[in-house]
Amino acid sequence: MPEIQHYVLFPNHDNAMRLHRELKVLGVRAVIAPTPRAASKCCGVSLLVKEEDLGAIKSCVEEHGIEILTIAEIERDVNPKRDRYC
């Protein structure tokens, strides 16, 4: 069964940094990550989050008026031969 990853997408990096900072205060783990091209070609920064934290993240976005584009669900692409040259 494929693993699904959740990315919060933004129109610009300022909103990504604001949400990251607010989530840190709440104790919600979010990893700053490059936006997967399968999700968007807009801002190159996204937040990789856990599915169980989506409710807290949506509440934080509304409470602080942080603009997001969407929360994308992307199938994790693991290629064990990536970056192997021999």
PDB file of N, CA and C in Angstrom:
ATOM      1  N   MET A   1       0.848  -1.184   0.000  1.00  0.00           N
ATOM      2  CA  MET A   1       0.000   0.000   0.000  1.00  0.00           C
ATOM      3  C   MET A   1       0.891   1.243   0.000  1.00  0.00           C
ATOM      4  N   PRO A   2       0.649   2.170  -0.905  1.00  0.00           N
ATOM      5  CA  PRO A   2       1.499   3.359  -0.982  1.00  0.00           C
ATOM      6  C   PRO A   2       1.303   4.281   0.223  1.00  0.00           C
ATOM      7  N   GLU A   3       2.383   4.900   0.623  1.00  0.00           N
ATOM      8  CA  GLU A   3       2.339   5.852   1.737  1.00  0.00           C
ATOM      9  C   GLU A   3       1.968   7.233   1.194  1.00  0.00           C
ATOM     10  N   ILE A   4       1.027   7.895   1.850  1.00  0.00           N
ATOM     11  CA  ILE A   4       0.576   9.220   1.437  1.00  0.00           C
ATOM     12  C   ILE A   4       1.234  10.263   2.342  1.00  0.00           C
ATOM     13  N   GLN A   5       1.777  11.306   1.720  1.00  0.00           N
ATOM     14  CA  GLN A   5       2.358  12.421   2.461  1.00  0.00           C
ATOM     15  C   GLN A   5       1.483  13.652   2.236  1.00  0.00           C
ATOM     16  N   HIS A   6       1.411  14.506   3.258  1.00  0.00           N
ATOM     17  CA  HIS A   6       0.571  15.707   3.202  1.00  0.00           C
ATOM     18  C   HIS A   6       1.465  16.945   3.174  1.00  0.00           C
ATOM     19  N   TYR A   7       1.242  17.786   2.171  1.00  0.00           N
ATOM     20  CA  TYR A   7       2.012  19.016   1.998  1.00  0.00           C
ATOM     21  C   TYR A   7       1.066  20.208   2.049  1.00  0.00           C
ATOM     22  N   VAL A   8       1.404  21.203   2.861  1.00  0.00           N
ATOM     23  CA  VAL A   8       0.662  22.465   2.865  1.00  0.00           C
ATOM     24  C   VAL A   8       1.351  23.358   1.835  1.00  0.00           C
ATOM     25  N   LEU A   9       0.578  23.825   0.849  1.00  0.00           N
ATOM     26  CA  LEU A   9       1.120  24.639  -0.240  1.00  0.00           C
ATOM     27  C   LEU A   9       0.758  26.106  -0.042  1.00  0.00           C
ATOM     28  N   PHE A  10       1.662  26.983  -0.444  1.00  0.00           N
ATOM     29  CA  PHE A  10       1.534  28.419  -0.192  1.00  0.00           C
ATOM     30  C   PHE A  10       1.735  29.230  -1.460  1.00  0.00           C
ATOM     31  N   PRO A  11       1.179  30.453  -1.495  1.00  0.00           N
ATOM     32  CA  PRO A  11       1.425  31.331  -2.634  1.00  0.00           C
ATOM     33  C   PRO A  11       2.810  31.986  -2.570  1.00  0.00           C
ATOM     34  N   ASN A  12       3.410  32.020  -1.361  1.00  0.00           N
ATOM     35  CA  ASN A  12       4.755  32.597  -1.213  1.00  0.00           C
ATOM     36  C   ASN A  12       5.418  32.041   0.046  1.00  0.00           C
ATOM     37  N   HIS A  13       6.727  32.237   0.150  1.00  0.00           N
ATOM     38  CA  HIS A  13       7.476  31.647   1.270  1.00  0.00           C
ATOM     39  C   HIS A  13       7.193  32.342   2.602  1.00  0.00           C
ATOM     40  N   ASP A  14       6.761  33.598   2.584  1.00  0.00           N
ATOM     41  CA  ASP A  14       6.461  34.308   3.838  1.00  0.00           C
ATOM     42  C   ASP A  14       5.353  33.605   4.622  1.00  0.00           C
ATOM     43  N   ASN A  15       4.312  33.197   3.918  1.00  0.00           N
ATOM     44  CA  ASN A  15       3.216  32.492   4.584  1.00  0.00           C
ATOM     45  C   ASN A  15       3.672  31.138   5.116  1.00  0.00           C
ATOM     46  N   ALA A  16       4.542  30.473   4.389  1.00  0.00           N
ATOM     47  CA  ALA A  16       5.080  29.182   4.847  1.00  0.00           C
ATOM     48  C   ALA A  16       5.856  29.364   6.149  1.00  0.00           C
ATOM     49  N   MET A  17       6.682  30.385   6.211  1.00  0.00           N
ATOM     50  CA  MET A  17       7.482  30.625   7.416  1.00  0.00           C
ATOM     51  C   MET A  17       6.598  31.027   8.598  1.00  0.00           C
ATOM     52  N   ARG A  18       5.553  31.832   8.325  1.00  0.00           N
ATOM     53  CA  ARG A  18       4.628  32.220   9.393  1.00  0.00           C
ATOM     54  C   ARG A  18       3.925  31.008   9.979  1.00  0.00           C
ATOM     55  N   LEU A  19       3.406  30.139   9.110  1.00  0.00           N
ATOM     56  CA  LEU A  19       2.701  28.962   9.603  1.00  0.00           C
ATOM     57  C   LEU A  19       3.665  28.031  10.329  1.00  0.00           C
ATOM     58  N   HIS A  20       4.847  27.872   9.818  1.00  0.00           N
ATOM     59  CA  HIS A  20       5.849  27.014  10.478  1.00  0.00           C
ATOM     60  C   HIS A  20       6.115  27.520  11.894  1.00  0.00           C
ATOM     61  N   ARG A  21       6.275  28.818  12.033  1.00  0.00           N
ATOM     62  CA  ARG A  21       6.541  29.432  13.340  1.00  0.00           C
ATOM     63  C   ARG A  21       5.362  29.219  14.296  1.00  0.00           C
ATOM     64  N   GLU A  22       4.145  29.435  13.809  1.00  0.00           N
ATOM     65  CA  GLU A  22       2.954  29.274  14.660  1.00  0.00           C
ATOM     66  C   GLU A  22       2.745  27.814  15.069  1.00  0.00           C
ATOM     67  N   LEU A  23       3.006  26.886  14.154  1.00  0.00           N
ATOM     68  CA  LEU A  23       2.863  25.473  14.481  1.00  0.00           C
ATOM     69  C   LEU A  23       3.891  25.042  15.512  1.00  0.00           C
ATOM     70  N   LYS A  24       5.075  25.602  15.425  1.00  0.00           N
ATOM     71  CA  LYS A  24       6.119  25.280  16.398  1.00  0.00           C
ATOM     72  C   LYS A  24       5.677  25.703  17.802  1.00  0.00           C
ATOM     73  N   VAL A  25       5.059  26.870  17.908  1.00  0.00           N
ATOM     74  CA  VAL A  25       4.552  27.354  19.193  1.00  0.00           C
ATOM     75  C   VAL A  25       3.496  26.396  19.747  1.00  0.00           C
ATOM     76  N   LEU A  26       2.662  25.839  18.854  1.00  0.00           N
ATOM     77  CA  LEU A  26       1.611  24.909  19.268  1.00  0.00           C
ATOM     78  C   LEU A  26       2.140  23.503  19.553  1.00  0.00           C
ATOM     79  N   GLY A  27       3.386  23.250  19.170  1.00  0.00           N
ATOM     80  CA  GLY A  27       3.957  21.918  19.364  1.00  0.00           C
ATOM     81  C   GLY A  27       3.599  20.944  18.258  1.00  0.00           C
ATOM     82  N   VAL A  28       3.171  21.468  17.110  1.00  0.00           N
ATOM     83  CA  VAL A  28       2.836  20.630  15.958  1.00  0.00           C
ATOM     84  C   VAL A  28       4.057  20.562  15.045  1.00  0.00           C
ATOM     85  N   ARG A  29       4.481  19.340  14.732  1.00  0.00           N
ATOM     86  CA  ARG A  29       5.672  19.159  13.901  1.00  0.00           C
ATOM     87  C   ARG A  29       5.336  19.397  12.433  1.00  0.00           C
ATOM     88  N   ALA A  30       6.131  20.246  11.792  1.00  0.00           N
ATOM     89  CA  ALA A  30       6.020  20.517  10.361  1.00  0.00           C
ATOM     90  C   ALA A  30       7.434  20.684   9.821  1.00  0.00           C
ATOM     91  N   VAL A  31       7.713  20.041   8.705  1.00  0.00           N
ATOM     92  CA  VAL A  31       9.043  20.087   8.107  1.00  0.00           C
ATOM     93  C   VAL A  31       8.990  20.963   6.864  1.00  0.00           C
ATOM     94  N   ILE A  32       9.883  21.936   6.785  1.00  0.00           N
ATOM     95  CA  ILE A  32       9.995  22.776   5.596  1.00  0.00           C
ATOM     96  C   ILE A  32      10.581  21.898   4.485  1.00  0.00           C
ATOM     97  N   ALA A  33       9.872  21.850   3.349  1.00  0.00           N
ATOM     98  CA  ALA A  33      10.284  20.960   2.263  1.00  0.00           C
ATOM     99  C   ALA A  33      10.061  21.641   0.914  1.00  0.00           C
ATOM    100  N   PRO A  34      10.788  21.186  -0.097  1.00  0.00           N
ATOM    101  CA  PRO A  34      10.498  21.688  -1.449  1.00  0.00           C
ATOM    102  C   PRO A  34       9.106  21.203  -1.871  1.00  0.00           C
ATOM    103  N   THR A  35       8.393  22.033  -2.594  1.00  0.00           N
ATOM    104  CA  THR A  35       7.066  21.646  -3.067  1.00  0.00           C
ATOM    105  C   THR A  35       7.214  20.596  -4.164  1.00  0.00           C
ATOM    106  N   PRO A  36       6.563  19.450  -3.996  1.00  0.00           N
ATOM    107  CA  PRO A  36       6.628  18.442  -5.062  1.00  0.00           C
ATOM    108  C   PRO A  36       5.995  18.983  -6.337  1.00  0.00           C
ATOM    109  N   ARG A  37       6.629  18.794  -7.460  1.00  0.00           N
ATOM    110  CA  ARG A  37       6.105  19.300  -8.729  1.00  0.00           C
ATOM    111  C   ARG A  37       4.784  18.642  -9.101  1.00  0.00           C
ATOM    112  N   ALA A  38       4.528  17.465  -8.549  1.00  0.00           N
ATOM    113  CA  ALA A  38       3.241  16.808  -8.783  1.00  0.00           C
ATOM    114  C   ALA A  38       2.106  17.572  -8.114  1.00  0.00           C
ATOM    115  N   ALA A  39       2.435  18.381  -7.103  1.00  0.00           N
ATOM    116  CA  ALA A  39       1.417  19.119  -6.354  1.00  0.00           C
ATOM    117  C   ALA A  39       1.199  20.527  -6.892  1.00  0.00           C
ATOM    118  N   SER A  40       2.286  21.232  -7.238  1.00  0.00           N
ATOM    119  CA  SER A  40       2.161  22.626  -7.666  1.00  0.00           C
ATOM    120  C   SER A  40       3.451  23.098  -8.313  1.00  0.00           C
ATOM    121  N   LYS A  41       3.299  24.079  -9.168  1.00  0.00           N
ATOM    122  CA  LYS A  41       4.475  24.695  -9.774  1.00  0.00           C
ATOM    123  C   LYS A  41       4.648  26.124  -9.264  1.00  0.00           C
ATOM    124  N   CYS A  42       3.880  26.476  -8.225  1.00  0.00           N
ATOM    125  CA  CYS A  42       3.948  27.836  -7.663  1.00  0.00           C
ATOM    126  C   CYS A  42       5.161  27.977  -6.745  1.00  0.00           C
ATOM    127  N   CYS A  43       4.916  28.416  -5.538  1.00  0.00           N
ATOM    128  CA  CYS A  43       5.981  28.642  -4.562  1.00  0.00           C
ATOM    129  C   CYS A  43       6.766  27.351  -4.341  1.00  0.00           C
ATOM    130  N   GLY A  44       8.070  27.442  -4.244  1.00  0.00           N
ATOM    131  CA  GLY A  44       8.910  26.265  -4.093  1.00  0.00           C
ATOM    132  C   GLY A  44       8.994  25.730  -2.685  1.00  0.00           C
ATOM    133  N   VAL A  45       8.316  26.387  -1.720  1.00  0.00           N
ATOM    134  CA  VAL A  45       8.394  25.965  -0.326  1.00  0.00           C
ATOM    135  C   VAL A  45       7.034  25.438   0.122  1.00  0.00           C
ATOM    136  N   SER A  46       7.067  24.333   0.843  1.00  0.00           N
ATOM    137  CA  SER A  46       5.842  23.779   1.426  1.00  0.00           C
ATOM    138  C   SER A  46       6.168  23.250   2.807  1.00  0.00           C
ATOM    139  N   LEU A  47       5.136  22.840   3.527  1.00  0.00           N
ATOM    140  CA  LEU A  47       5.339  22.205   4.823  1.00  0.00           C
ATOM    141  C   LEU A  47       4.843  20.771   4.725  1.00  0.00           C
ATOM    142  N   LEU A  48       5.694  19.846   5.092  1.00  0.00           N
ATOM    143  CA  LEU A  48       5.346  18.436   5.143  1.00  0.00           C
ATOM    144  C   LEU A  48       4.806  18.162   6.545  1.00  0.00           C
ATOM    145  N   VAL A  49       3.566  17.687   6.622  1.00  0.00           N
ATOM    146  CA  VAL A  49       2.902  17.516   7.912  1.00  0.00           C
ATOM    147  C   VAL A  49       2.299  16.119   8.015  1.00  0.00           C
ATOM    148  N   LYS A  50       1.923  15.744   9.233  1.00  0.00           N
ATOM    149  CA  LYS A  50       1.294  14.451   9.468  1.00  0.00           C
ATOM    150  C   LYS A  50      -0.220  14.587   9.330  1.00  0.00           C
ATOM    151  N   GLU A  51      -0.839  13.528   8.866  1.00  0.00           N
ATOM    152  CA  GLU A  51      -2.290  13.537   8.655  1.00  0.00           C
ATOM    153  C   GLU A  51      -3.051  13.819   9.950  1.00  0.00           C
ATOM    154  N   GLU A  52      -2.573  13.281  11.065  1.00  0.00           N
ATOM    155  CA  GLU A  52      -3.288  13.473  12.333  1.00  0.00           C
ATOM    156  C   GLU A  52      -3.234  14.913  12.837  1.00  0.00           C
ATOM    157  N   ASP A  53      -2.362  15.744  12.272  1.00  0.00           N
ATOM    158  CA  ASP A  53      -2.247  17.143  12.679  1.00  0.00           C
ATOM    159  C   ASP A  53      -3.047  18.093  11.794  1.00  0.00           C
ATOM    160  N   LEU A  54      -3.732  17.584  10.778  1.00  0.00           N
ATOM    161  CA  LEU A  54      -4.419  18.457   9.821  1.00  0.00           C
ATOM    162  C   LEU A  54      -5.483  19.342  10.474  1.00  0.00           C
ATOM    163  N   GLY A  55      -6.207  18.827  11.433  1.00  0.00           N
ATOM    164  CA  GLY A  55      -7.224  19.637  12.116  1.00  0.00           C
ATOM    165  C   GLY A  55      -6.613  20.829  12.833  1.00  0.00           C
ATOM    166  N   ALA A  56      -5.524  20.589  13.569  1.00  0.00           N
ATOM    167  CA  ALA A  56      -4.834  21.678  14.282  1.00  0.00           C
ATOM    168  C   ALA A  56      -4.240  22.677  13.304  1.00  0.00           C
ATOM    169  N   ILE A  57      -3.752  22.192  12.177  1.00  0.00           N
ATOM    170  CA  ILE A  57      -3.150  23.074  11.169  1.00  0.00           C
ATOM    171  C   ILE A  57      -4.209  23.969  10.546  1.00  0.00           C
ATOM    172  N   LYS A  58      -5.348  23.394  10.189  1.00  0.00           N
ATOM    173  CA  LYS A  58      -6.428  24.196   9.600  1.00  0.00           C
ATOM    174  C   LYS A  58      -6.929  25.246  10.582  1.00  0.00           C
ATOM    175  N   SER A  59      -7.035  24.895  11.852  1.00  0.00           N
ATOM    176  CA  SER A  59      -7.457  25.858  12.878  1.00  0.00           C
ATOM    177  C   SER A  59      -6.445  26.987  13.002  1.00  0.00           C
ATOM    178  N   CYS A  60      -5.168  26.653  12.989  1.00  0.00           N
ATOM    179  CA  CYS A  60      -4.100  27.653  13.105  1.00  0.00           C
ATOM    180  C   CYS A  60      -4.128  28.605  11.910  1.00  0.00           C
ATOM    181  N   VAL A  61      -4.344  28.064  10.719  1.00  0.00           N
ATOM    182  CA  VAL A  61      -4.416  28.882   9.497  1.00  0.00           C
ATOM    183  C   VAL A  61      -5.548  29.898   9.620  1.00  0.00           C
ATOM    184  N   GLU A  62      -6.713  29.440  10.058  1.00  0.00           N
ATOM    185  CA  GLU A  62      -7.867  30.339  10.205  1.00  0.00           C
ATOM    186  C   GLU A  62      -7.641  31.368  11.303  1.00  0.00           C
ATOM    187  N   GLU A  63      -7.138  30.915  12.446  1.00  0.00           N
ATOM    188  CA  GLU A  63      -6.947  31.803  13.593  1.00  0.00           C
ATOM    189  C   GLU A  63      -5.970  32.937  13.294  1.00  0.00           C
ATOM    190  N   HIS A  64      -4.905  32.641  12.557  1.00  0.00           N
ATOM    191  CA  HIS A  64      -3.863  33.638  12.305  1.00  0.00           C
ATOM    192  C   HIS A  64      -3.970  34.288  10.924  1.00  0.00           C
ATOM    193  N   GLY A  65      -4.973  33.906  10.148  1.00  0.00           N
ATOM    194  CA  GLY A  65      -5.177  34.516   8.838  1.00  0.00           C
ATOM    195  C   GLY A  65      -4.020  34.276   7.880  1.00  0.00           C
ATOM    196  N   ILE A  66      -3.473  33.075   7.897  1.00  0.00           N
ATOM    197  CA  ILE A  66      -2.350  32.735   7.024  1.00  0.00           C
ATOM    198  C   ILE A  66      -2.912  32.177   5.724  1.00  0.00           C
ATOM    199  N   GLU A  67      -2.456  32.729   4.608  1.00  0.00           N
ATOM    200  CA  GLU A  67      -2.947  32.306   3.301  1.00  0.00           C
ATOM    201  C   GLU A  67      -2.228  31.036   2.845  1.00  0.00           C
ATOM    202  N   ILE A  68      -3.018  30.008   2.532  1.00  0.00           N
ATOM    203  CA  ILE A  68      -2.471  28.785   1.943  1.00  0.00           C
ATOM    204  C   ILE A  68      -3.209  28.525   0.639  1.00  0.00           C
ATOM    205  N   LEU A  69      -2.599  27.758  -0.243  1.00  0.00           N
ATOM    206  CA  LEU A  69      -3.275  27.373  -1.480  1.00  0.00           C
ATOM    207  C   LEU A  69      -4.139  26.140  -1.252  1.00  0.00           C
ATOM    208  N   THR A  70      -3.544  25.118  -0.667  1.00  0.00           N
ATOM    209  CA  THR A  70      -4.251  23.870  -0.408  1.00  0.00           C
ATOM    210  C   THR A  70      -3.386  22.956   0.444  1.00  0.00           C
ATOM    211  N   ILE A  71      -3.959  21.859   0.855  1.00  0.00           N
ATOM    212  CA  ILE A  71      -3.190  20.791   1.491  1.00  0.00           C
ATOM    213  C   ILE A  71      -3.262  19.615   0.527  1.00  0.00           C
ATOM    214  N   ALA A  72      -2.119  19.286  -0.056  1.00  0.00           N
ATOM    215  CA  ALA A  72      -2.060  18.250  -1.090  1.00  0.00           C
ATOM    216  C   ALA A  72      -1.673  16.908  -0.497  1.00  0.00           C
ATOM    217  N   GLU A  73      -2.307  15.868  -0.999  1.00  0.00           N
ATOM    218  CA  GLU A  73      -1.962  14.498  -0.628  1.00  0.00           C
ATOM    219  C   GLU A  73      -1.188  13.907  -1.801  1.00  0.00           C
ATOM    220  N   ILE A  74       0.064  13.545  -1.549  1.00  0.00           N
ATOM    221  CA  ILE A  74       0.936  13.033  -2.597  1.00  0.00           C
ATOM    222  C   ILE A  74       1.439  11.652  -2.194  1.00  0.00           C
ATOM    223  N   GLU A  75       1.396  10.733  -3.132  1.00  0.00           N
ATOM    224  CA  GLU A  75       1.952   9.409  -2.875  1.00  0.00           C
ATOM    225  C   GLU A  75       3.464   9.524  -2.773  1.00  0.00           C
ATOM    226  N   ARG A  76       4.009   8.963  -1.719  1.00  0.00           N
ATOM    227  CA  ARG A  76       5.450   9.035  -1.499  1.00  0.00           C
ATOM    228  C   ARG A  76       6.176   8.294  -2.611  1.00  0.00           C
ATOM    229  N   ASP A  77       7.138   8.967  -3.221  1.00  0.00           N
ATOM    230  CA  ASP A  77       7.897   8.407  -4.332  1.00  0.00           C
ATOM    231  C   ASP A  77       9.277   8.010  -3.831  1.00  0.00           C
ATOM    232  N   VAL A  78       9.437   6.747  -3.526  1.00  0.00           N
ATOM    233  CA  VAL A  78      10.717   6.258  -3.036  1.00  0.00           C
ATOM    234  C   VAL A  78      11.363   5.442  -4.149  1.00  0.00           C
ATOM    235  N   ASN A  79      12.488   5.909  -4.609  1.00  0.00           N
ATOM    236  CA  ASN A  79      13.233   5.206  -5.645  1.00  0.00           C
ATOM    237  C   ASN A  79      14.567   4.791  -5.047  1.00  0.00           C
ATOM    238  N   PRO A  80      14.746   3.526  -4.707  1.00  0.00           N
ATOM    239  CA  PRO A  80      15.994   3.093  -4.063  1.00  0.00           C
ATOM    240  C   PRO A  80      17.226   3.253  -4.952  1.00  0.00           C
ATOM    241  N   LYS A  81      17.041   3.432  -6.257  1.00  0.00           N
ATOM    242  CA  LYS A  81      18.186   3.587  -7.163  1.00  0.00           C
ATOM    243  C   LYS A  81      18.522   5.041  -7.443  1.00  0.00           C
ATOM    244  N   ARG A  82      17.761   5.976  -6.856  1.00  0.00           N
ATOM    245  CA  ARG A  82      18.034   7.390  -7.066  1.00  0.00           C
ATOM    246  C   ARG A  82      19.400   7.745  -6.493  1.00  0.00           C
ATOM    247  N   ASP A  83      20.128   8.538  -7.218  1.00  0.00           N
ATOM    248  CA  ASP A  83      21.472   8.992  -6.826  1.00  0.00           C
ATOM    249  C   ASP A  83      22.480   7.838  -6.714  1.00  0.00           C
ATOM    250  N   ARG A  84      22.217   6.734  -7.366  1.00  0.00           N
ATOM    251  CA  ARG A  84      23.164   5.617  -7.446  1.00  0.00           C
ATOM    252  C   ARG A  84      23.732   5.594  -8.853  1.00  0.00           C
ATOM    253  N   TYR A  85      25.012   5.626  -8.933  1.00  0.00           N
ATOM    254  CA  TYR A  85      25.640   5.737 -10.234  1.00  0.00           C
ATOM    255  C   TYR A  85      26.470   4.508 -10.598  1.00  0.00           C
ATOM    256  N   CYS A  86      26.555   3.542  -9.745  1.00  0.00           N
ATOM    257  CA  CYS A  86      27.345   2.345 -10.028  1.00  0.00           C
ATOM    258  C   CYS A  86      26.506   1.102  -9.894  1.00  0.00           C
TER     259      CYS A  86
END
